[in-house]
Amino acid sequence: MATLFACAGLEQKQKPARHIVIDPLQSSMFDRIGLLNIERAGYARIVELREAPSEIALPELHAADTRIQAAIIDGFHTFDHALVDFFYINKMLDIGGVVIFDDVNLPSLARLVAHVATYPCYRVLKGTAPPRAPNPFVTLRRSFNRHRLSIRHMRDNPRVIALQKVAPDTREWDWHADF
């Protein structure tokens, strides 16, 4: 679904664009249904699928001098895997570009976004909020009632946070900020 929304937005741009999708399971687990939906929607000409894990595909894209204006991090949800994704995205993301973190209600991603929010070259976009530690009662309630969350709950516990790169990443080799 995210790819269809991204493609719809890219279609409205005046200049040619492409949407790079990294999905190692598109064929093996999903029988290419995502690609079929992209073809049915008429977006196949702007989608480039990389069927490899992001820790393989992103370094390859970086080595090919790929530049990106937006990225969604929504892959393997451990802190280290998502950090590797962000590491390469940060190197390829243009100034003014946006990186979107999905599922920041998970502790691993909440900590990662807290870390990235300390980078001097990023700012949290309006409409999103820095992550909070998950409330164990909310987590328990969600496990029983996953598909009936209220709008208020979603607003108060955002799953998606967007950060904009506002300057080059010029951190020194020993830079650190507590998070």
C-alpha atoms as a PDB file:
ATOM      1  CA  MET A   1       0.000   0.000   0.000  1.00  0.00           C
ATOM      2  CA  ALA A   2       2.813   2.413   0.815  1.00  0.00           C
ATOM      3  CA  THR A   3       4.241   1.870  -2.664  1.00  0.00           C
ATOM      4  CA  LEU A   4       0.907   2.657  -4.311  1.00  0.00           C
ATOM      5  CA  PHE A   5       0.604   5.887  -2.321  1.00  0.00           C
ATOM      6  CA  ALA A   6       4.201   6.848  -3.121  1.00  0.00           C
ATOM      7  CA  CYS A   7       3.642   6.190  -6.817  1.00  0.00           C
ATOM      8  CA  ALA A   8       0.450   8.249  -6.836  1.00  0.00           C
ATOM      9  CA  GLY A   9       2.434  11.155  -5.386  1.00  0.00           C
ATOM     10  CA  LEU A  10       5.266  10.700  -7.878  1.00  0.00           C
ATOM     11  CA  GLU A  11       2.788  10.735 -10.765  1.00  0.00           C
ATOM     12  CA  GLN A  12       1.851  14.309  -9.803  1.00  0.00           C
ATOM     13  CA  LYS A  13       5.436  15.552 -10.162  1.00  0.00           C
ATOM     14  CA  GLN A  14       6.393  17.435 -13.299  1.00  0.00           C
ATOM     15  CA  LYS A  15       9.730  15.701 -13.760  1.00  0.00           C
ATOM     16  CA  PRO A  16      10.357  11.964 -14.211  1.00  0.00           C
ATOM     17  CA  ALA A  17      10.787  10.008 -11.000  1.00  0.00           C
ATOM     18  CA  ARG A  18      11.293   6.450  -9.860  1.00  0.00           C
ATOM     19  CA  HIS A  19      10.351   4.587  -6.726  1.00  0.00           C
ATOM     20  CA  ILE A  20      12.878   2.052  -5.472  1.00  0.00           C
ATOM     21  CA  VAL A  21      11.283  -0.755  -3.484  1.00  0.00           C
ATOM     22  CA  ILE A  22      13.404  -3.090  -1.386  1.00  0.00           C
ATOM     23  CA  ASP A  23      11.462  -6.252  -0.613  1.00  0.00           C
ATOM     24  CA  PRO A  24      13.390  -9.516  -0.268  1.00  0.00           C
ATOM     25  CA  LEU A  25      10.158 -11.475   0.182  1.00  0.00           C
ATOM     26  CA  GLN A  26       8.106 -10.169  -2.768  1.00  0.00           C
ATOM     27  CA  SER A  27       8.499 -13.402  -4.756  1.00  0.00           C
ATOM     28  CA  SER A  28       9.274 -15.989  -2.105  1.00  0.00           C
ATOM     29  CA  MET A  29       6.546 -15.110   0.405  1.00  0.00           C
ATOM     30  CA  PHE A  30       4.059 -12.841  -1.351  1.00  0.00           C
ATOM     31  CA  ASP A  31       3.857 -14.440  -4.823  1.00  0.00           C
ATOM     32  CA  ARG A  32       4.642 -11.001  -6.330  1.00  0.00           C
ATOM     33  CA  ILE A  33       1.188  -9.670  -5.430  1.00  0.00           C
ATOM     34  CA  GLY A  34       2.657  -6.235  -4.686  1.00  0.00           C
ATOM     35  CA  LEU A  35       4.141  -6.045  -8.185  1.00  0.00           C
ATOM     36  CA  LEU A  36       0.867  -7.228  -9.692  1.00  0.00           C
ATOM     37  CA  ASN A  37      -0.995  -4.449  -7.872  1.00  0.00           C
ATOM     38  CA  ILE A  38       1.578  -1.911  -9.078  1.00  0.00           C
ATOM     39  CA  GLU A  39       1.113  -3.116 -12.655  1.00  0.00           C
ATOM     40  CA  ARG A  40      -2.693  -2.994 -12.337  1.00  0.00           C
ATOM     41  CA  ALA A  41      -2.453   0.600 -11.081  1.00  0.00           C
ATOM     42  CA  GLY A  42      -0.262   1.545 -14.050  1.00  0.00           C
ATOM     43  CA  TYR A  43       2.868   2.357 -12.045  1.00  0.00           C
ATOM     44  CA  ALA A  44       5.219  -0.414 -13.204  1.00  0.00           C
ATOM     45  CA  ARG A  45       7.238   2.021 -15.343  1.00  0.00           C
ATOM     46  CA  ILE A  46       8.348   4.033 -12.279  1.00  0.00           C
ATOM     47  CA  VAL A  47       8.979   1.175  -9.818  1.00  0.00           C
ATOM     48  CA  GLU A  48      12.326  -0.543  -9.437  1.00  0.00           C
ATOM     49  CA  LEU A  49      12.182  -3.638  -7.227  1.00  0.00           C
ATOM     50  CA  ARG A  50      15.267  -4.872  -5.396  1.00  0.00           C
ATOM     51  CA  GLU A  51      14.586  -8.377  -4.067  1.00  0.00           C
ATOM     52  CA  ALA A  52      17.404  -8.399  -1.560  1.00  0.00           C
ATOM     53  CA  PRO A  53      17.677  -7.629   2.139  1.00  0.00           C
ATOM     54  CA  SER A  54      18.118  -3.913   2.779  1.00  0.00           C
ATOM     55  CA  GLU A  55      21.580  -4.468   4.284  1.00  0.00           C
ATOM     56  CA  ILE A  56      22.606  -5.693   0.802  1.00  0.00           C
ATOM     57  CA  ALA A  57      20.474  -3.456  -1.445  1.00  0.00           C
ATOM     58  CA  LEU A  58      21.184  -0.123   0.266  1.00  0.00           C
ATOM     59  CA  PRO A  59      25.008  -0.379   0.075  1.00  0.00           C
ATOM     60  CA  GLU A  60      24.649  -1.322  -3.600  1.00  0.00           C
ATOM     61  CA  LEU A  61      22.488   1.739  -4.237  1.00  0.00           C
ATOM     62  CA  HIS A  62      24.979   3.920  -2.365  1.00  0.00           C
ATOM     63  CA  ALA A  63      27.893   2.480  -4.359  1.00  0.00           C
ATOM     64  CA  ALA A  64      25.985   3.387  -7.550  1.00  0.00           C
ATOM     65  CA  ASP A  65      25.795   7.041  -6.349  1.00  0.00           C
ATOM     66  CA  THR A  66      22.007   6.878  -6.001  1.00  0.00           C
ATOM     67  CA  ARG A  67      20.397  10.050  -4.649  1.00  0.00           C
ATOM     68  CA  ILE A  68      17.017   9.970  -2.930  1.00  0.00           C
ATOM     69  CA  GLN A  69      14.531  12.598  -1.846  1.00  0.00           C
ATOM     70  CA  ALA A  70      12.399  10.444   0.444  1.00  0.00           C
ATOM     71  CA  ALA A  71      12.671   7.088   2.175  1.00  0.00           C
ATOM     72  CA  ILE A  72      10.461   4.893   4.318  1.00  0.00           C
ATOM     73  CA  ILE A  73      12.146   2.660   6.886  1.00  0.00           C
ATOM     74  CA  ASP A  74       9.762  -0.230   7.433  1.00  0.00           C
ATOM     75  CA  GLY A  75      11.826  -3.385   7.198  1.00  0.00           C
ATOM     76  CA  PHE A  76      13.336  -5.639   9.834  1.00  0.00           C
ATOM     77  CA  HIS A  77      12.421  -3.900  13.110  1.00  0.00           C
ATOM     78  CA  THR A  78      15.450  -4.523  15.304  1.00  0.00           C
ATOM     79  CA  PHE A  79      17.468  -1.467  16.353  1.00  0.00           C
ATOM     80  CA  ASP A  80      20.601  -2.622  14.531  1.00  0.00           C
ATOM     81  CA  HIS A  81      18.902  -3.492  11.244  1.00  0.00           C
ATOM     82  CA  ALA A  82      16.949  -0.233  11.137  1.00  0.00           C
ATOM     83  CA  LEU A  83      20.119   1.682  12.079  1.00  0.00           C
ATOM     84  CA  VAL A  84      21.950   0.151   9.108  1.00  0.00           C
ATOM     85  CA  ASP A  85      19.022   1.187   6.883  1.00  0.00           C
ATOM     86  CA  PHE A  86      19.180   4.740   8.216  1.00  0.00           C
ATOM     87  CA  PHE A  87      22.981   4.852   7.895  1.00  0.00           C
ATOM     88  CA  TYR A  88      22.785   4.329   4.129  1.00  0.00           C
ATOM     89  CA  ILE A  89      19.657   6.407   3.647  1.00  0.00           C
ATOM     90  CA  ASN A  90      21.366   9.324   5.417  1.00  0.00           C
ATOM     91  CA  LYS A  91      24.277   9.070   2.969  1.00  0.00           C
ATOM     92  CA  MET A  92      21.962   9.104  -0.073  1.00  0.00           C
ATOM     93  CA  LEU A  93      19.259  11.534   1.129  1.00  0.00           C
ATOM     94  CA  ASP A  94      19.341  15.004  -0.427  1.00  0.00           C
ATOM     95  CA  ILE A  95      19.107  18.141   1.709  1.00  0.00           C
ATOM     96  CA  GLY A  96      15.393  18.842   2.130  1.00  0.00           C
ATOM     97  CA  GLY A  97      14.630  15.138   1.792  1.00  0.00           C
ATOM     98  CA  VAL A  98      12.473  13.245   4.254  1.00  0.00           C
ATOM     99  CA  VAL A  99      12.991   9.938   6.015  1.00  0.00           C
ATOM    100  CA  ILE A 100       9.886   8.283   7.437  1.00  0.00           C
ATOM    101  CA  PHE A 101      10.127   5.723  10.221  1.00  0.00           C
ATOM    102  CA  ASP A 102       7.167   3.345  10.489  1.00  0.00           C
ATOM    103  CA  ASP A 103       6.204   1.369  13.588  1.00  0.00           C
ATOM    104  CA  VAL A 104       7.946   3.731  16.028  1.00  0.00           C
ATOM    105  CA  ASN A 105       5.590   2.414  18.690  1.00  0.00           C
ATOM    106  CA  LEU A 106       8.056  -0.486  18.934  1.00  0.00           C
ATOM    107  CA  PRO A 107      10.818   0.134  21.509  1.00  0.00           C
ATOM    108  CA  SER A 108      13.647  -0.612  19.056  1.00  0.00           C
ATOM    109  CA  LEU A 109      12.428   1.961  16.540  1.00  0.00           C
ATOM    110  CA  ALA A 110      11.481   4.498  19.218  1.00  0.00           C
ATOM    111  CA  ARG A 111      15.088   4.400  20.451  1.00  0.00           C
ATOM    112  CA  LEU A 112      16.458   4.699  16.933  1.00  0.00           C
ATOM    113  CA  VAL A 113      14.331   7.767  16.183  1.00  0.00           C
ATOM    114  CA  ALA A 114      15.370   9.285  19.513  1.00  0.00           C
ATOM    115  CA  HIS A 115      18.979   8.806  18.359  1.00  0.00           C
ATOM    116  CA  VAL A 116      18.434  10.230  14.853  1.00  0.00           C
ATOM    117  CA  ALA A 117      16.559  13.219  16.297  1.00  0.00           C
ATOM    118  CA  THR A 118      19.836  14.269  17.982  1.00  0.00           C
ATOM    119  CA  TYR A 119      21.609  14.620  14.612  1.00  0.00           C
ATOM    120  CA  PRO A 120      22.180  18.341  13.988  1.00  0.00           C
ATOM    121  CA  CYS A 121      21.198  17.939  10.331  1.00  0.00           C
ATOM    122  CA  TYR A 122      17.660  16.596  10.983  1.00  0.00           C
ATOM    123  CA  ARG A 123      14.445  18.037  12.330  1.00  0.00           C
ATOM    124  CA  VAL A 124      11.216  16.294  13.257  1.00  0.00           C
ATOM    125  CA  LEU A 125       8.477  17.424  10.896  1.00  0.00           C
ATOM    126  CA  LYS A 126       5.316  18.980  12.237  1.00  0.00           C
ATOM    127  CA  GLY A 127       2.457  16.586  12.631  1.00  0.00           C
ATOM    128  CA  THR A 128       4.702  13.924  14.087  1.00  0.00           C
ATOM    129  CA  ALA A 129       6.008  13.650  17.608  1.00  0.00           C
ATOM    130  CA  PRO A 130       9.134  12.190  19.171  1.00  0.00           C
ATOM    131  CA  PRO A 131       8.471   8.644  20.332  1.00  0.00           C
ATOM    132  CA  ARG A 132       7.652   7.754  23.903  1.00  0.00           C
ATOM    133  CA  ALA A 133       8.283   4.498  25.637  1.00  0.00           C
ATOM    134  CA  PRO A 134       5.369   2.165  24.925  1.00  0.00           C
ATOM    135  CA  ASN A 135       2.771   1.914  27.669  1.00  0.00           C
ATOM    136  CA  PRO A 136       2.553  -1.778  28.640  1.00  0.00           C
ATOM    137  CA  PHE A 137      -1.223  -1.534  29.173  1.00  0.00           C
ATOM    138  CA  VAL A 138      -1.701  -0.067  25.705  1.00  0.00           C
ATOM    139  CA  THR A 139       0.502  -2.804  24.242  1.00  0.00           C
ATOM    140  CA  LEU A 140      -1.532  -5.484  26.020  1.00  0.00           C
ATOM    141  CA  ARG A 141      -4.841  -3.929  24.920  1.00  0.00           C
ATOM    142  CA  ARG A 142      -3.567  -3.710  21.334  1.00  0.00           C
ATOM    143  CA  SER A 143      -2.671  -7.388  21.322  1.00  0.00           C
ATOM    144  CA  PHE A 144      -6.320  -8.219  22.112  1.00  0.00           C
ATOM    145  CA  ASN A 145      -7.930  -5.542  19.987  1.00  0.00           C
ATOM    146  CA  ARG A 146      -5.414  -4.875  17.204  1.00  0.00           C
ATOM    147  CA  HIS A 147      -7.834  -3.700  14.528  1.00  0.00           C
ATOM    148  CA  ARG A 148     -10.147  -1.546  16.628  1.00  0.00           C
ATOM    149  CA  LEU A 149      -7.793   1.166  17.858  1.00  0.00           C
ATOM    150  CA  SER A 150      -9.428   4.546  18.239  1.00  0.00           C
ATOM    151  CA  ILE A 151      -8.364   7.636  16.300  1.00  0.00           C
ATOM    152  CA  ARG A 152      -7.449   9.251  19.646  1.00  0.00           C
ATOM    153  CA  HIS A 153      -5.158   6.337  20.513  1.00  0.00           C
ATOM    154  CA  MET A 154      -3.421   6.543  17.138  1.00  0.00           C
ATOM    155  CA  ARG A 155      -2.993  10.325  17.517  1.00  0.00           C
ATOM    156  CA  ASP A 156      -1.635   9.959  21.041  1.00  0.00           C
ATOM    157  CA  ASN A 157       0.632   7.029  20.114  1.00  0.00           C
ATOM    158  CA  PRO A 158       1.972   7.743  16.639  1.00  0.00           C
ATOM    159  CA  ARG A 159       3.375   4.851  14.652  1.00  0.00           C
ATOM    160  CA  VAL A 160       4.970   7.033  11.997  1.00  0.00           C
ATOM    161  CA  ILE A 161       7.501   9.829  12.417  1.00  0.00           C
ATOM    162  CA  ALA A 162       9.057  11.879   9.640  1.00  0.00           C
ATOM    163  CA  LEU A 163      12.359  13.728   9.842  1.00  0.00           C
ATOM    164  CA  GLN A 164      13.683  16.175   7.296  1.00  0.00           C
ATOM    165  CA  LYS A 165      17.333  16.521   6.433  1.00  0.00           C
ATOM    166  CA  VAL A 166      17.951  20.262   6.736  1.00  0.00           C
ATOM    167  CA  ALA A 167      21.738  20.402   6.274  1.00  0.00           C
ATOM    168  CA  PRO A 168      24.651  18.214   5.236  1.00  0.00           C
ATOM    169  CA  ASP A 169      25.733  15.635   7.794  1.00  0.00           C
ATOM    170  CA  THR A 170      29.009  17.170   8.956  1.00  0.00           C
ATOM    171  CA  ARG A 171      29.385  15.379  12.275  1.00  0.00           C
ATOM    172  CA  GLU A 172      32.993  14.780  13.312  1.00  0.00           C
ATOM    173  CA  TRP A 173      34.389  11.253  13.597  1.00  0.00           C
ATOM    174  CA  ASP A 174      33.890  11.257  17.390  1.00  0.00           C
ATOM    175  CA  TRP A 175      30.468  12.945  17.515  1.00  0.00           C
ATOM    176  CA  HIS A 176      28.050  11.692  20.151  1.00  0.00           C
ATOM    177  CA  ALA A 177      24.828  12.918  21.735  1.00  0.00           C
ATOM    178  CA  ASP A 178      22.980  11.132  24.490  1.00  0.00           C
ATOM    179  CA  PHE A 179      19.532   9.867  23.522  1.00  0.00           C
END
